[in-house]
Amino acid sequence: MEESIREYAKELRNIIDKSNDSFEKQLNYISAGALGISMVLVEKIVKDLSTTRSNYILIISWCFLGLTLISNLVSHVYTSRVHSKTVAEIYDEKYDYDKAMLRNKSIGRWNTFSIAFLLIGITLQIIFIARNIKL
């Protein structure tokens, strides 16, 4: 195998690692922050959950934010395995572009689900708070 393709594989690995780390950190910060903020808002603004409307919206929101965190953790392991497999194929001279792209698409789908869970969770929090703000 050419040295240039080995260097490319090494560079690709570094870029992918940095990008994944950044995405996962941001997703975790946002979802964990949204969970924390919602709990503070409930405590400070709503105060007594027994007097609120649509508590199930808040609970579902927390579930989606929890799913975001769990999905992100599982996706980290999956992504690492997928990229390791691609790098191994390059070194073993068995690299197949189409197979590698299919694996990358599955990572993209997983990330899309994580983002969707986050957006649904935050949207439900906003709906819950809007329904229960006492002006």
N, C-alpha and C. Protein backbone atom coordinates (compact mmCIF):
# COMPACT_ATOMS: atom_id res chain seq x y z
N MET A 1 0.85 -1.18 0.00
CA MET A 1 0.00 0.00 0.00
C MET A 1 0.90 1.24 0.00
N GLU A 2 0.46 2.24 -0.70
CA GLU A 2 1.23 3.48 -0.79
C GLU A 2 1.27 4.17 0.57
N GLU A 3 2.38 4.82 0.79
CA GLU A 3 2.54 5.58 2.04
C GLU A 3 1.54 6.73 2.11
N SER A 4 1.23 7.33 0.96
CA SER A 4 0.30 8.46 0.96
C SER A 4 -1.10 8.05 1.43
N ILE A 5 -1.53 6.85 1.06
CA ILE A 5 -2.86 6.40 1.51
C ILE A 5 -2.84 6.10 3.00
N ARG A 6 -1.72 5.62 3.51
CA ARG A 6 -1.60 5.40 4.96
C ARG A 6 -1.65 6.72 5.71
N GLU A 7 -0.98 7.72 5.17
CA GLU A 7 -1.01 9.04 5.79
C GLU A 7 -2.42 9.62 5.74
N TYR A 8 -3.09 9.38 4.63
CA TYR A 8 -4.47 9.85 4.50
C TYR A 8 -5.35 9.18 5.55
N ALA A 9 -5.18 7.90 5.75
CA ALA A 9 -5.97 7.18 6.75
C ALA A 9 -5.71 7.75 8.14
N LYS A 10 -4.47 8.07 8.43
CA LYS A 10 -4.11 8.62 9.74
C LYS A 10 -4.73 10.02 9.91
N GLU A 11 -4.63 10.83 8.86
CA GLU A 11 -5.20 12.17 8.91
C GLU A 11 -6.73 12.10 9.03
N LEU A 12 -7.33 11.19 8.28
CA LEU A 12 -8.78 11.00 8.35
C LEU A 12 -9.20 10.62 9.77
N ARG A 13 -8.46 9.74 10.37
CA ARG A 13 -8.77 9.31 11.74
C ARG A 13 -8.73 10.48 12.71
N ASN A 14 -7.72 11.33 12.59
CA ASN A 14 -7.60 12.50 13.47
C ASN A 14 -8.75 13.48 13.27
N ILE A 15 -9.10 13.74 12.03
CA ILE A 15 -10.19 14.66 11.73
C ILE A 15 -11.51 14.12 12.26
N ILE A 16 -11.75 12.87 12.03
CA ILE A 16 -13.00 12.24 12.47
C ILE A 16 -13.08 12.26 14.00
N ASP A 17 -11.99 11.93 14.65
CA ASP A 17 -11.97 11.92 16.12
C ASP A 17 -12.29 13.31 16.68
N LYS A 18 -11.65 14.33 16.14
CA LYS A 18 -11.89 15.69 16.63
C LYS A 18 -13.34 16.12 16.38
N SER A 19 -13.84 15.82 15.21
CA SER A 19 -15.21 16.20 14.87
C SER A 19 -16.21 15.49 15.77
N ASN A 20 -16.02 14.19 15.97
CA ASN A 20 -16.93 13.42 16.82
C ASN A 20 -16.89 13.90 18.26
N ASP A 21 -15.69 14.18 18.75
CA ASP A 21 -15.56 14.68 20.12
C ASP A 21 -16.32 15.99 20.30
N SER A 22 -16.15 16.89 19.34
CA SER A 22 -16.81 18.19 19.41
C SER A 22 -18.33 18.03 19.36
N PHE A 23 -18.82 17.23 18.43
CA PHE A 23 -20.27 17.02 18.30
C PHE A 23 -20.84 16.40 19.57
N GLU A 24 -20.19 15.36 20.08
CA GLU A 24 -20.70 14.67 21.25
C GLU A 24 -20.68 15.56 22.49
N LYS A 25 -19.63 16.34 22.65
CA LYS A 25 -19.56 17.25 23.79
C LYS A 25 -20.69 18.27 23.73
N GLN A 26 -20.87 18.87 22.56
CA GLN A 26 -21.91 19.87 22.43
C GLN A 26 -23.29 19.28 22.67
N LEU A 27 -23.53 18.10 22.13
CA LEU A 27 -24.82 17.46 22.32
C LEU A 27 -25.05 17.13 23.80
N ASN A 28 -24.02 16.64 24.46
CA ASN A 28 -24.14 16.33 25.89
C ASN A 28 -24.35 17.59 26.72
N TYR A 29 -23.59 18.64 26.44
CA TYR A 29 -23.75 19.88 27.20
C TYR A 29 -25.15 20.45 27.03
N ILE A 30 -25.64 20.46 25.82
CA ILE A 30 -26.96 21.04 25.56
C ILE A 30 -28.05 20.20 26.23
N SER A 31 -28.00 18.88 26.07
CA SER A 31 -29.08 18.05 26.64
C SER A 31 -29.01 18.02 28.16
N ALA A 32 -27.81 17.91 28.73
CA ALA A 32 -27.69 17.92 30.19
C ALA A 32 -28.07 19.30 30.74
N GLY A 33 -27.66 20.34 30.02
CA GLY A 33 -28.02 21.70 30.44
C GLY A 33 -29.52 21.92 30.40
N ALA A 34 -30.15 21.42 29.35
CA ALA A 34 -31.61 21.57 29.24
C ALA A 34 -32.32 20.83 30.38
N LEU A 35 -31.81 19.65 30.73
CA LEU A 35 -32.39 18.93 31.86
C LEU A 35 -32.25 19.74 33.15
N GLY A 36 -31.05 20.23 33.39
CA GLY A 36 -30.79 21.00 34.61
C GLY A 36 -31.61 22.28 34.66
N ILE A 37 -31.63 23.01 33.56
CA ILE A 37 -32.38 24.26 33.51
C ILE A 37 -33.87 24.01 33.72
N SER A 38 -34.38 22.93 33.13
CA SER A 38 -35.81 22.66 33.29
C SER A 38 -36.15 22.36 34.75
N MET A 39 -35.25 21.68 35.42
CA MET A 39 -35.51 21.38 36.84
C MET A 39 -35.49 22.65 37.68
N VAL A 40 -34.55 23.55 37.38
CA VAL A 40 -34.50 24.83 38.09
C VAL A 40 -35.73 25.66 37.78
N LEU A 41 -36.13 25.70 36.51
CA LEU A 41 -37.33 26.46 36.14
C LEU A 41 -38.58 25.92 36.82
N VAL A 42 -38.68 24.61 36.88
CA VAL A 42 -39.83 24.01 37.56
C VAL A 42 -39.82 24.42 39.03
N GLU A 43 -38.66 24.37 39.64
CA GLU A 43 -38.55 24.71 41.06
C GLU A 43 -38.83 26.19 41.31
N LYS A 44 -38.29 27.07 40.47
CA LYS A 44 -38.39 28.51 40.71
C LYS A 44 -39.66 29.15 40.14
N ILE A 45 -40.10 28.68 38.99
CA ILE A 45 -41.26 29.32 38.34
C ILE A 45 -42.55 28.58 38.65
N VAL A 46 -42.53 27.27 38.45
CA VAL A 46 -43.75 26.50 38.63
C VAL A 46 -43.99 26.21 40.11
N LYS A 47 -42.97 25.91 40.83
CA LYS A 47 -42.94 25.65 42.28
C LYS A 47 -43.67 24.39 42.69
N ASP A 48 -44.94 24.28 42.46
CA ASP A 48 -45.69 23.12 42.92
C ASP A 48 -46.23 22.36 41.71
N LEU A 49 -45.61 21.21 41.42
CA LEU A 49 -46.01 20.43 40.25
C LEU A 49 -47.44 19.92 40.34
N SER A 50 -47.97 19.80 41.54
CA SER A 50 -49.34 19.30 41.67
C SER A 50 -50.36 20.31 41.14
N THR A 51 -49.94 21.56 41.00
CA THR A 51 -50.87 22.58 40.50
C THR A 51 -50.67 22.88 39.01
N THR A 52 -49.78 22.16 38.39
CA THR A 52 -49.50 22.44 36.97
C THR A 52 -50.38 21.61 36.06
N ARG A 53 -50.44 22.09 34.82
CA ARG A 53 -51.18 21.36 33.79
C ARG A 53 -50.18 20.57 32.95
N SER A 54 -50.61 19.45 32.47
CA SER A 54 -49.85 18.66 31.49
C SER A 54 -48.47 18.24 31.99
N ASN A 55 -48.43 17.69 33.19
CA ASN A 55 -47.14 17.21 33.72
C ASN A 55 -46.51 16.15 32.84
N TYR A 56 -47.33 15.41 32.13
CA TYR A 56 -46.80 14.37 31.26
C TYR A 56 -45.89 14.96 30.18
N ILE A 57 -46.14 16.21 29.78
CA ILE A 57 -45.28 16.85 28.78
C ILE A 57 -43.87 17.02 29.34
N LEU A 58 -43.78 17.43 30.59
CA LEU A 58 -42.48 17.59 31.23
C LEU A 58 -41.76 16.26 31.36
N ILE A 59 -42.48 15.25 31.76
CA ILE A 59 -41.88 13.92 31.93
C ILE A 59 -41.39 13.38 30.59
N ILE A 60 -42.19 13.54 29.55
CA ILE A 60 -41.78 13.08 28.22
C ILE A 60 -40.57 13.89 27.75
N SER A 61 -40.56 15.16 28.05
CA SER A 61 -39.41 16.01 27.70
C SER A 61 -38.14 15.48 28.36
N TRP A 62 -38.22 15.19 29.64
CA TRP A 62 -37.05 14.65 30.36
C TRP A 62 -36.63 13.31 29.77
N CYS A 63 -37.59 12.50 29.37
CA CYS A 63 -37.27 11.21 28.74
C CYS A 63 -36.50 11.42 27.44
N PHE A 64 -36.95 12.37 26.61
CA PHE A 64 -36.26 12.62 25.35
C PHE A 64 -34.85 13.17 25.60
N LEU A 65 -34.70 14.02 26.59
CA LEU A 65 -33.37 14.54 26.89
C LEU A 65 -32.46 13.42 27.43
N GLY A 66 -33.04 12.53 28.22
CA GLY A 66 -32.28 11.36 28.68
C GLY A 66 -31.91 10.45 27.52
N LEU A 67 -32.86 10.25 26.60
CA LEU A 67 -32.57 9.46 25.39
C LEU A 67 -31.44 10.08 24.58
N THR A 68 -31.40 11.40 24.54
CA THR A 68 -30.32 12.08 23.83
C THR A 68 -28.98 11.72 24.43
N LEU A 69 -28.89 11.77 25.75
CA LEU A 69 -27.63 11.45 26.42
C LEU A 69 -27.25 9.99 26.21
N ILE A 70 -28.20 9.10 26.35
CA ILE A 70 -27.92 7.66 26.17
C ILE A 70 -27.55 7.37 24.72
N SER A 71 -28.31 7.92 23.80
CA SER A 71 -28.05 7.72 22.38
C SER A 71 -26.66 8.21 22.01
N ASN A 72 -26.28 9.34 22.57
CA ASN A 72 -24.97 9.89 22.28
C ASN A 72 -23.85 9.00 22.82
N LEU A 73 -24.04 8.44 23.99
CA LEU A 73 -23.03 7.53 24.55
C LEU A 73 -22.89 6.27 23.72
N VAL A 74 -24.01 5.68 23.33
CA VAL A 74 -23.98 4.46 22.53
C VAL A 74 -23.40 4.76 21.15
N SER A 75 -23.76 5.90 20.59
CA SER A 75 -23.26 6.27 19.27
C SER A 75 -21.76 6.47 19.28
N HIS A 76 -21.23 6.94 20.39
CA HIS A 76 -19.78 7.12 20.51
C HIS A 76 -19.07 5.77 20.34
N VAL A 77 -19.55 4.76 21.00
CA VAL A 77 -18.96 3.42 20.90
C VAL A 77 -19.11 2.89 19.48
N TYR A 78 -20.30 3.03 18.91
CA TYR A 78 -20.57 2.54 17.56
C TYR A 78 -19.67 3.25 16.54
N THR A 79 -19.59 4.55 16.64
CA THR A 79 -18.78 5.33 15.71
C THR A 79 -17.31 4.92 15.77
N SER A 80 -16.82 4.73 16.96
CA SER A 80 -15.43 4.32 17.14
C SER A 80 -15.18 2.98 16.45
N ARG A 81 -16.09 2.05 16.60
CA ARG A 81 -15.94 0.73 15.96
C ARG A 81 -16.00 0.83 14.44
N VAL A 82 -16.92 1.63 13.95
CA VAL A 82 -17.06 1.79 12.50
C VAL A 82 -15.80 2.39 11.89
N HIS A 83 -15.29 3.44 12.50
CA HIS A 83 -14.09 4.08 11.96
C HIS A 83 -12.86 3.18 12.11
N SER A 84 -12.79 2.45 13.18
CA SER A 84 -11.68 1.50 13.35
C SER A 84 -11.71 0.44 12.26
N LYS A 85 -12.90 -0.01 11.92
CA LYS A 85 -13.03 -1.01 10.87
C LYS A 85 -12.58 -0.45 9.52
N THR A 86 -12.96 0.78 9.23
CA THR A 86 -12.55 1.40 7.97
C THR A 86 -11.03 1.55 7.90
N VAL A 87 -10.43 2.01 8.99
CA VAL A 87 -8.98 2.17 9.03
C VAL A 87 -8.29 0.82 8.88
N ALA A 88 -8.83 -0.20 9.56
CA ALA A 88 -8.25 -1.55 9.44
C ALA A 88 -8.32 -2.05 8.00
N GLU A 89 -9.45 -1.79 7.34
CA GLU A 89 -9.58 -2.21 5.94
C GLU A 89 -8.54 -1.51 5.05
N ILE A 90 -8.29 -0.25 5.35
CA ILE A 90 -7.28 0.48 4.57
C ILE A 90 -5.92 -0.17 4.76
N TYR A 91 -5.56 -0.44 6.00
CA TYR A 91 -4.25 -1.05 6.28
C TYR A 91 -4.14 -2.47 5.73
N ASP A 92 -5.25 -3.20 5.72
CA ASP A 92 -5.25 -4.58 5.22
C ASP A 92 -5.43 -4.63 3.70
N GLU A 93 -5.49 -3.46 3.10
CA GLU A 93 -5.70 -3.33 1.66
C GLU A 93 -7.00 -4.01 1.19
N LYS A 94 -8.02 -3.90 2.02
CA LYS A 94 -9.34 -4.45 1.70
C LYS A 94 -10.40 -3.34 1.71
N TYR A 95 -9.94 -2.11 1.59
CA TYR A 95 -10.85 -0.97 1.65
C TYR A 95 -11.86 -1.01 0.51
N ASP A 96 -13.12 -0.84 0.88
CA ASP A 96 -14.21 -0.78 -0.10
C ASP A 96 -14.97 0.52 0.17
N TYR A 97 -14.86 1.42 -0.76
CA TYR A 97 -15.45 2.74 -0.61
C TYR A 97 -16.95 2.66 -0.31
N ASP A 98 -17.67 1.82 -1.06
CA ASP A 98 -19.12 1.72 -0.89
C ASP A 98 -19.49 1.24 0.52
N LYS A 99 -18.78 0.25 1.02
CA LYS A 99 -19.05 -0.25 2.38
C LYS A 99 -18.74 0.82 3.42
N ALA A 100 -17.65 1.53 3.22
CA ALA A 100 -17.27 2.59 4.17
C ALA A 100 -18.34 3.69 4.17
N MET A 101 -18.85 4.04 3.00
CA MET A 101 -19.87 5.09 2.91
C MET A 101 -21.18 4.64 3.56
N LEU A 102 -21.53 3.36 3.42
CA LEU A 102 -22.73 2.85 4.10
C LEU A 102 -22.58 2.97 5.62
N ARG A 103 -21.40 2.64 6.10
CA ARG A 103 -21.16 2.77 7.55
C ARG A 103 -21.25 4.22 7.98
N ASN A 104 -20.70 5.12 7.18
CA ASN A 104 -20.77 6.54 7.53
C ASN A 104 -22.20 7.06 7.50
N LYS A 105 -23.01 6.55 6.58
CA LYS A 105 -24.42 6.95 6.54
C LYS A 105 -25.15 6.51 7.81
N SER A 106 -24.81 5.33 8.31
CA SER A 106 -25.47 4.87 9.54
C SER A 106 -25.09 5.76 10.72
N ILE A 107 -23.87 6.26 10.74
CA ILE A 107 -23.45 7.20 11.78
C ILE A 107 -24.25 8.49 11.65
N GLY A 108 -24.42 8.94 10.43
CA GLY A 108 -25.20 10.16 10.20
C GLY A 108 -26.64 10.02 10.65
N ARG A 109 -27.22 8.85 10.39
CA ARG A 109 -28.61 8.61 10.85
C ARG A 109 -28.68 8.63 12.37
N TRP A 110 -27.71 8.00 13.01
CA TRP A 110 -27.69 7.97 14.47
C TRP A 110 -27.60 9.39 15.02
N ASN A 111 -26.72 10.21 14.44
CA ASN A 111 -26.59 11.59 14.88
C ASN A 111 -27.89 12.37 14.65
N THR A 112 -28.56 12.09 13.55
CA THR A 112 -29.83 12.74 13.27
C THR A 112 -30.87 12.39 14.33
N PHE A 113 -30.92 11.12 14.74
CA PHE A 113 -31.85 10.72 15.80
C PHE A 113 -31.51 11.44 17.11
N SER A 114 -30.24 11.53 17.45
CA SER A 114 -29.84 12.22 18.68
C SER A 114 -30.27 13.67 18.65
N ILE A 115 -30.07 14.33 17.53
CA ILE A 115 -30.48 15.73 17.40
C ILE A 115 -31.99 15.84 17.49
N ALA A 116 -32.71 14.92 16.86
CA ALA A 116 -34.17 14.94 16.92
C ALA A 116 -34.66 14.75 18.36
N PHE A 117 -34.05 13.82 19.10
CA PHE A 117 -34.43 13.62 20.51
C PHE A 117 -34.23 14.92 21.29
N LEU A 118 -33.10 15.58 21.05
CA LEU A 118 -32.81 16.83 21.75
C LEU A 118 -33.84 17.90 21.42
N LEU A 119 -34.12 18.08 20.14
CA LEU A 119 -35.08 19.10 19.73
C LEU A 119 -36.48 18.83 20.27
N ILE A 120 -36.88 17.57 20.25
CA ILE A 120 -38.20 17.21 20.80
C ILE A 120 -38.24 17.50 22.30
N GLY A 121 -37.19 17.12 23.01
CA GLY A 121 -37.12 17.36 24.45
C GLY A 121 -37.20 18.83 24.80
N ILE A 122 -36.44 19.65 24.10
CA ILE A 122 -36.45 21.09 24.37
C ILE A 122 -37.80 21.70 23.99
N THR A 123 -38.34 21.29 22.86
CA THR A 123 -39.65 21.81 22.43
C THR A 123 -40.73 21.48 23.45
N LEU A 124 -40.72 20.25 23.96
CA LEU A 124 -41.72 19.86 24.97
C LEU A 124 -41.54 20.66 26.26
N GLN A 125 -40.31 20.97 26.61
CA GLN A 125 -40.08 21.80 27.80
C GLN A 125 -40.68 23.19 27.60
N ILE A 126 -40.45 23.75 26.44
CA ILE A 126 -40.99 25.08 26.15
C ILE A 126 -42.51 25.05 26.20
N ILE A 127 -43.12 24.02 25.65
CA ILE A 127 -44.58 23.89 25.68
C ILE A 127 -45.06 23.79 27.12
N PHE A 128 -44.40 22.95 27.92
CA PHE A 128 -44.81 22.77 29.31
C PHE A 128 -44.73 24.11 30.06
N ILE A 129 -43.62 24.80 29.91
CA ILE A 129 -43.45 26.06 30.63
C ILE A 129 -44.45 27.08 30.15
N ALA A 130 -44.67 27.16 28.85
CA ALA A 130 -45.64 28.12 28.31
C ALA A 130 -47.05 27.85 28.84
N ARG A 131 -47.38 26.59 29.01
CA ARG A 131 -48.72 26.25 29.51
C ARG A 131 -48.87 26.53 31.00
N ASN A 132 -47.75 26.65 31.69
CA ASN A 132 -47.83 26.77 33.14
C ASN A 132 -47.27 28.04 33.74
N ILE A 133 -46.88 28.96 32.92
CA ILE A 133 -46.38 30.25 33.44
C ILE A 133 -47.56 31.00 34.06
N LYS A 134 -47.30 31.48 35.25
CA LYS A 134 -48.33 32.27 35.96
C LYS A 134 -47.91 33.73 35.88
N LEU A 135 -48.59 34.46 35.03
CA LEU A 135 -48.24 35.88 34.84
C LEU A 135 -48.83 36.75 35.90
